[in-house]
Amino acid sequence: MIRLKRWVREGAIFVVLILVVMLGMDFLRAPQAPASFGSQPLQTLSNQSVTLSQQSQQRPLLVYFWATWCGVCKMTTPSVSRLAEEGENVLTVALRSGDNATLERYLHGKGIHMPVVNDARGDLSAQWNIGVTPTFVVIDKGQVIATTTGWTSYWGMKARLWWAQIRT
């Protein structure tokens, strides 16, 4: 019984330490939204012109910064695509992943269906100070609500969107 209590206590300490490290890393790697991010016009691969402020007025918007060459993105992109296919408010930014034709071939080949802004030179990502892919940003009514970097589960993304929606 004493061994079990010790194991539970050490396990709890381990979980708390992992959470602290994860939150610390998110804080250190958090993107910095440029001053005019909400009004900057963005062009999707489907030739739709959008702004982040406009896209986030009715419901929270998940902005996903990713790259075709990013190993972790290969695990998270299908979940983001699933969210988009389910009707969640999603906009993605492909960082330095080639020209539009190359990016469209990649998406088609992987069966990925989501709105994509091609940041071929990395200018948009540099404005946001994106240092890690993937990076997730939740925006509601033109305000950044939450950010996280690295691997995030489908349910983690859903929870962040849900939290942004109920907090107002």
C-alpha atoms as a PDB file:
ATOM      1  CA  MET A   1       0.000   0.000   0.000  1.00  0.00           C
ATOM      2  CA  ILE A   2       2.852   2.393   0.817  1.00  0.00           C
ATOM      3  CA  ARG A   3       4.454   1.632  -2.560  1.00  0.00           C
ATOM      4  CA  LEU A   4       1.177   2.430  -4.345  1.00  0.00           C
ATOM      5  CA  LYS A   5       0.839   5.777  -2.556  1.00  0.00           C
ATOM      6  CA  ARG A   6       4.422   6.632  -3.402  1.00  0.00           C
ATOM      7  CA  TRP A   7       3.878   5.662  -7.037  1.00  0.00           C
ATOM      8  CA  VAL A   8       0.698   7.792  -7.254  1.00  0.00           C
ATOM      9  CA  ARG A   9       2.444  10.768  -5.638  1.00  0.00           C
ATOM     10  CA  GLU A  10       5.459  10.511  -7.951  1.00  0.00           C
ATOM     11  CA  GLY A  11       3.178  10.074 -10.954  1.00  0.00           C
ATOM     12  CA  ALA A  12       1.225  13.191 -10.001  1.00  0.00           C
ATOM     13  CA  ILE A  13       4.447  15.180  -9.606  1.00  0.00           C
ATOM     14  CA  PHE A  14       5.611  13.940 -13.014  1.00  0.00           C
ATOM     15  CA  VAL A  15       2.330  15.007 -14.672  1.00  0.00           C
ATOM     16  CA  VAL A  16       2.519  18.456 -13.063  1.00  0.00           C
ATOM     17  CA  LEU A  17       6.118  18.890 -14.234  1.00  0.00           C
ATOM     18  CA  ILE A  18       5.201  17.884 -17.780  1.00  0.00           C
ATOM     19  CA  LEU A  19       2.322  20.390 -17.788  1.00  0.00           C
ATOM     20  CA  VAL A  20       4.576  23.166 -16.485  1.00  0.00           C
ATOM     21  CA  VAL A  21       7.177  22.424 -19.173  1.00  0.00           C
ATOM     22  CA  MET A  22       4.510  22.332 -21.907  1.00  0.00           C
ATOM     23  CA  LEU A  23       2.965  25.619 -20.799  1.00  0.00           C
ATOM     24  CA  GLY A  24       6.402  27.192 -20.476  1.00  0.00           C
ATOM     25  CA  MET A  25       7.368  26.114 -23.980  1.00  0.00           C
ATOM     26  CA  ASP A  26       4.094  27.468 -25.371  1.00  0.00           C
ATOM     27  CA  PHE A  27       4.781  30.769 -23.622  1.00  0.00           C
ATOM     28  CA  LEU A  28       8.333  30.985 -24.973  1.00  0.00           C
ATOM     29  CA  ARG A  29       7.372  29.966 -28.520  1.00  0.00           C
ATOM     30  CA  ALA A  30       4.111  31.952 -28.699  1.00  0.00           C
ATOM     31  CA  PRO A  31       3.643  33.868 -31.931  1.00  0.00           C
ATOM     32  CA  GLN A  32       3.356  37.652 -31.796  1.00  0.00           C
ATOM     33  CA  ALA A  33       0.446  38.965 -33.822  1.00  0.00           C
ATOM     34  CA  PRO A  34       1.394  41.999 -35.916  1.00  0.00           C
ATOM     35  CA  ALA A  35      -0.515  45.203 -35.093  1.00  0.00           C
ATOM     36  CA  SER A  36      -2.647  45.126 -38.245  1.00  0.00           C
ATOM     37  CA  PHE A  37      -3.124  41.345 -38.438  1.00  0.00           C
ATOM     38  CA  GLY A  38      -6.916  41.537 -38.393  1.00  0.00           C
ATOM     39  CA  SER A  39      -7.282  43.781 -41.410  1.00  0.00           C
ATOM     40  CA  GLN A  40      -4.522  42.376 -43.619  1.00  0.00           C
ATOM     41  CA  PRO A  41      -6.092  40.819 -46.734  1.00  0.00           C
ATOM     42  CA  LEU A  42      -5.109  37.200 -47.288  1.00  0.00           C
ATOM     43  CA  GLN A  43      -5.599  35.200 -50.484  1.00  0.00           C
ATOM     44  CA  THR A  44      -6.471  31.499 -50.268  1.00  0.00           C
ATOM     45  CA  LEU A  45      -5.547  28.914 -52.880  1.00  0.00           C
ATOM     46  CA  SER A  46      -9.204  28.928 -53.948  1.00  0.00           C
ATOM     47  CA  ASN A  47      -8.764  32.648 -54.760  1.00  0.00           C
ATOM     48  CA  GLN A  48     -10.896  33.855 -51.847  1.00  0.00           C
ATOM     49  CA  SER A  49      -9.816  37.115 -50.195  1.00  0.00           C
ATOM     50  CA  VAL A  50     -10.281  37.069 -46.400  1.00  0.00           C
ATOM     51  CA  THR A  51      -9.176  38.924 -43.283  1.00  0.00           C
ATOM     52  CA  LEU A  52      -8.693  37.308 -39.888  1.00  0.00           C
ATOM     53  CA  SER A  53     -10.925  39.888 -38.233  1.00  0.00           C
ATOM     54  CA  GLN A  54     -13.729  39.227 -40.701  1.00  0.00           C
ATOM     55  CA  GLN A  55     -13.350  35.434 -40.442  1.00  0.00           C
ATOM     56  CA  SER A  56     -13.507  35.516 -36.624  1.00  0.00           C
ATOM     57  CA  GLN A  57     -16.557  37.767 -36.126  1.00  0.00           C
ATOM     58  CA  GLN A  58     -19.287  35.104 -36.053  1.00  0.00           C
ATOM     59  CA  ARG A  59     -17.348  32.331 -34.315  1.00  0.00           C
ATOM     60  CA  PRO A  60     -13.786  31.605 -33.213  1.00  0.00           C
ATOM     61  CA  LEU A  61     -11.254  30.964 -35.957  1.00  0.00           C
ATOM     62  CA  LEU A  62      -8.438  28.425 -35.795  1.00  0.00           C
ATOM     63  CA  VAL A  63      -5.412  29.680 -37.734  1.00  0.00           C
ATOM     64  CA  TYR A  64      -2.968  26.858 -38.391  1.00  0.00           C
ATOM     65  CA  PHE A  65       0.606  27.689 -39.457  1.00  0.00           C
ATOM     66  CA  TRP A  66       2.134  24.563 -40.994  1.00  0.00           C
ATOM     67  CA  ALA A  67       4.488  23.322 -43.710  1.00  0.00           C
ATOM     68  CA  THR A  68       4.619  20.370 -46.083  1.00  0.00           C
ATOM     69  CA  TRP A  69       8.198  19.646 -44.906  1.00  0.00           C
ATOM     70  CA  CYS A  70       7.255  19.637 -41.192  1.00  0.00           C
ATOM     71  CA  GLY A  71       7.256  16.158 -39.653  1.00  0.00           C
ATOM     72  CA  VAL A  72       4.840  16.984 -36.824  1.00  0.00           C
ATOM     73  CA  CYS A  73       2.527  18.747 -39.296  1.00  0.00           C
ATOM     74  CA  LYS A  74       2.089  15.447 -41.124  1.00  0.00           C
ATOM     75  CA  MET A  75       0.340  14.220 -37.952  1.00  0.00           C
ATOM     76  CA  THR A  76      -1.689  17.362 -37.194  1.00  0.00           C
ATOM     77  CA  THR A  77      -2.767  18.463 -40.687  1.00  0.00           C
ATOM     78  CA  PRO A  78      -5.281  15.603 -41.164  1.00  0.00           C
ATOM     79  CA  SER A  79      -6.989  16.662 -37.913  1.00  0.00           C
ATOM     80  CA  VAL A  80      -7.173  20.292 -39.057  1.00  0.00           C
ATOM     81  CA  SER A  81      -8.558  19.117 -42.398  1.00  0.00           C
ATOM     82  CA  ARG A  82     -11.165  17.057 -40.544  1.00  0.00           C
ATOM     83  CA  LEU A  83     -12.200  20.118 -38.525  1.00  0.00           C
ATOM     84  CA  ALA A  84     -12.585  22.138 -41.734  1.00  0.00           C
ATOM     85  CA  GLU A  85     -14.612  19.361 -43.379  1.00  0.00           C
ATOM     86  CA  GLU A  86     -16.886  19.251 -40.307  1.00  0.00           C
ATOM     87  CA  GLY A  87     -17.616  22.951 -40.734  1.00  0.00           C
ATOM     88  CA  GLU A  88     -15.350  24.393 -38.054  1.00  0.00           C
ATOM     89  CA  ASN A  89     -13.976  27.871 -38.747  1.00  0.00           C
ATOM     90  CA  VAL A  90     -10.431  27.128 -39.946  1.00  0.00           C
ATOM     91  CA  LEU A  91      -7.858  29.008 -42.007  1.00  0.00           C
ATOM     92  CA  THR A  92      -4.414  27.560 -42.613  1.00  0.00           C
ATOM     93  CA  VAL A  93      -1.127  29.154 -43.633  1.00  0.00           C
ATOM     94  CA  ALA A  94       1.358  26.949 -45.485  1.00  0.00           C
ATOM     95  CA  LEU A  95       4.842  28.201 -44.675  1.00  0.00           C
ATOM     96  CA  ARG A  96       7.531  27.961 -47.378  1.00  0.00           C
ATOM     97  CA  SER A  97       5.926  24.940 -48.997  1.00  0.00           C
ATOM     98  CA  GLY A  98       6.361  25.827 -52.676  1.00  0.00           C
ATOM     99  CA  ASP A  99       4.302  27.679 -55.239  1.00  0.00           C
ATOM    100  CA  ASN A 100       0.513  27.372 -55.477  1.00  0.00           C
ATOM    101  CA  ALA A 101       0.589  24.515 -58.001  1.00  0.00           C
ATOM    102  CA  THR A 102       3.044  22.499 -55.872  1.00  0.00           C
ATOM    103  CA  LEU A 103       1.002  23.091 -52.742  1.00  0.00           C
ATOM    104  CA  GLU A 104      -2.264  22.151 -54.467  1.00  0.00           C
ATOM    105  CA  ARG A 105      -0.702  18.890 -55.742  1.00  0.00           C
ATOM    106  CA  TYR A 106       0.479  18.095 -52.209  1.00  0.00           C
ATOM    107  CA  LEU A 107      -2.971  18.736 -50.714  1.00  0.00           C
ATOM    108  CA  HIS A 108      -4.718  16.731 -53.427  1.00  0.00           C
ATOM    109  CA  GLY A 109      -2.278  13.840 -53.093  1.00  0.00           C
ATOM    110  CA  LYS A 110      -2.863  13.677 -49.329  1.00  0.00           C
ATOM    111  CA  GLY A 111      -6.653  14.122 -49.617  1.00  0.00           C
ATOM    112  CA  ILE A 112      -6.527  17.298 -47.535  1.00  0.00           C
ATOM    113  CA  HIS A 113      -9.415  19.742 -47.863  1.00  0.00           C
ATOM    114  CA  MET A 114      -9.056  22.998 -45.948  1.00  0.00           C
ATOM    115  CA  PRO A 115      -8.681  26.682 -46.778  1.00  0.00           C
ATOM    116  CA  VAL A 116      -4.996  27.432 -47.327  1.00  0.00           C
ATOM    117  CA  VAL A 117      -3.089  30.693 -47.644  1.00  0.00           C
ATOM    118  CA  ASN A 118       0.237  30.039 -49.353  1.00  0.00           C
ATOM    119  CA  ASP A 119       3.032  31.842 -47.512  1.00  0.00           C
ATOM    120  CA  ALA A 120       5.580  30.746 -50.113  1.00  0.00           C
ATOM    121  CA  ARG A 121       8.378  33.092 -48.992  1.00  0.00           C
ATOM    122  CA  GLY A 122       7.499  33.027 -45.293  1.00  0.00           C
ATOM    123  CA  ASP A 123       6.639  36.737 -45.121  1.00  0.00           C
ATOM    124  CA  LEU A 124       3.344  36.289 -43.259  1.00  0.00           C
ATOM    125  CA  SER A 125       4.858  33.812 -40.816  1.00  0.00           C
ATOM    126  CA  ALA A 126       7.752  36.211 -40.187  1.00  0.00           C
ATOM    127  CA  GLN A 127       5.269  38.992 -39.375  1.00  0.00           C
ATOM    128  CA  TRP A 128       3.752  36.684 -36.744  1.00  0.00           C
ATOM    129  CA  ASN A 129       7.208  35.652 -35.500  1.00  0.00           C
ATOM    130  CA  ILE A 130       6.407  31.984 -36.128  1.00  0.00           C
ATOM    131  CA  GLY A 131       9.458  30.018 -35.015  1.00  0.00           C
ATOM    132  CA  VAL A 132       7.888  26.554 -34.742  1.00  0.00           C
ATOM    133  CA  THR A 133       5.619  24.534 -36.982  1.00  0.00           C
ATOM    134  CA  PRO A 134       2.931  23.675 -36.365  1.00  0.00           C
ATOM    135  CA  THR A 135       1.586  26.730 -34.575  1.00  0.00           C
ATOM    136  CA  PHE A 136      -2.085  27.108 -33.727  1.00  0.00           C
ATOM    137  CA  VAL A 137      -3.738  30.479 -33.049  1.00  0.00           C
ATOM    138  CA  VAL A 138      -7.363  30.884 -31.976  1.00  0.00           C
ATOM    139  CA  ILE A 139      -8.866  34.270 -32.853  1.00  0.00           C
ATOM    140  CA  ASP A 140     -12.284  35.508 -31.764  1.00  0.00           C
ATOM    141  CA  LYS A 141     -13.752  38.811 -32.941  1.00  0.00           C
ATOM    142  CA  GLY A 142     -10.347  39.948 -34.150  1.00  0.00           C
ATOM    143  CA  GLN A 143      -8.549  39.164 -30.868  1.00  0.00           C
ATOM    144  CA  VAL A 144      -5.973  36.425 -30.280  1.00  0.00           C
ATOM    145  CA  ILE A 145      -7.474  34.169 -27.590  1.00  0.00           C
ATOM    146  CA  ALA A 146      -5.047  31.258 -27.423  1.00  0.00           C
ATOM    147  CA  THR A 147      -1.890  29.914 -29.034  1.00  0.00           C
ATOM    148  CA  THR A 148      -0.043  26.636 -28.891  1.00  0.00           C
ATOM    149  CA  THR A 149       2.804  25.057 -30.787  1.00  0.00           C
ATOM    150  CA  GLY A 150       3.822  21.528 -31.640  1.00  0.00           C
ATOM    151  CA  TRP A 151       1.621  18.473 -31.737  1.00  0.00           C
ATOM    152  CA  THR A 152      -2.003  19.023 -30.755  1.00  0.00           C
ATOM    153  CA  SER A 153      -4.755  16.441 -30.964  1.00  0.00           C
ATOM    154  CA  TYR A 154      -8.029  16.818 -32.826  1.00  0.00           C
ATOM    155  CA  TRP A 155      -9.824  17.039 -29.469  1.00  0.00           C
ATOM    156  CA  GLY A 156      -7.321  19.604 -28.216  1.00  0.00           C
ATOM    157  CA  MET A 157      -8.138  21.827 -31.196  1.00  0.00           C
ATOM    158  CA  LYS A 158     -11.882  21.294 -30.717  1.00  0.00           C
ATOM    159  CA  ALA A 159     -11.558  22.157 -27.014  1.00  0.00           C
ATOM    160  CA  ARG A 160      -9.701  25.402 -27.763  1.00  0.00           C
ATOM    161  CA  LEU A 161     -12.377  26.471 -30.255  1.00  0.00           C
ATOM    162  CA  TRP A 162     -15.134  25.526 -27.807  1.00  0.00           C
ATOM    163  CA  TRP A 163     -13.433  27.434 -24.966  1.00  0.00           C
ATOM    164  CA  ALA A 164     -13.073  30.539 -27.149  1.00  0.00           C
ATOM    165  CA  GLN A 165     -16.769  30.341 -28.016  1.00  0.00           C
ATOM    166  CA  ILE A 166     -18.115  29.981 -24.472  1.00  0.00           C
ATOM    167  CA  ARG A 167     -15.795  32.504 -22.828  1.00  0.00           C
ATOM    168  CA  THR A 168     -17.698  35.504 -24.162  1.00  0.00           C
END
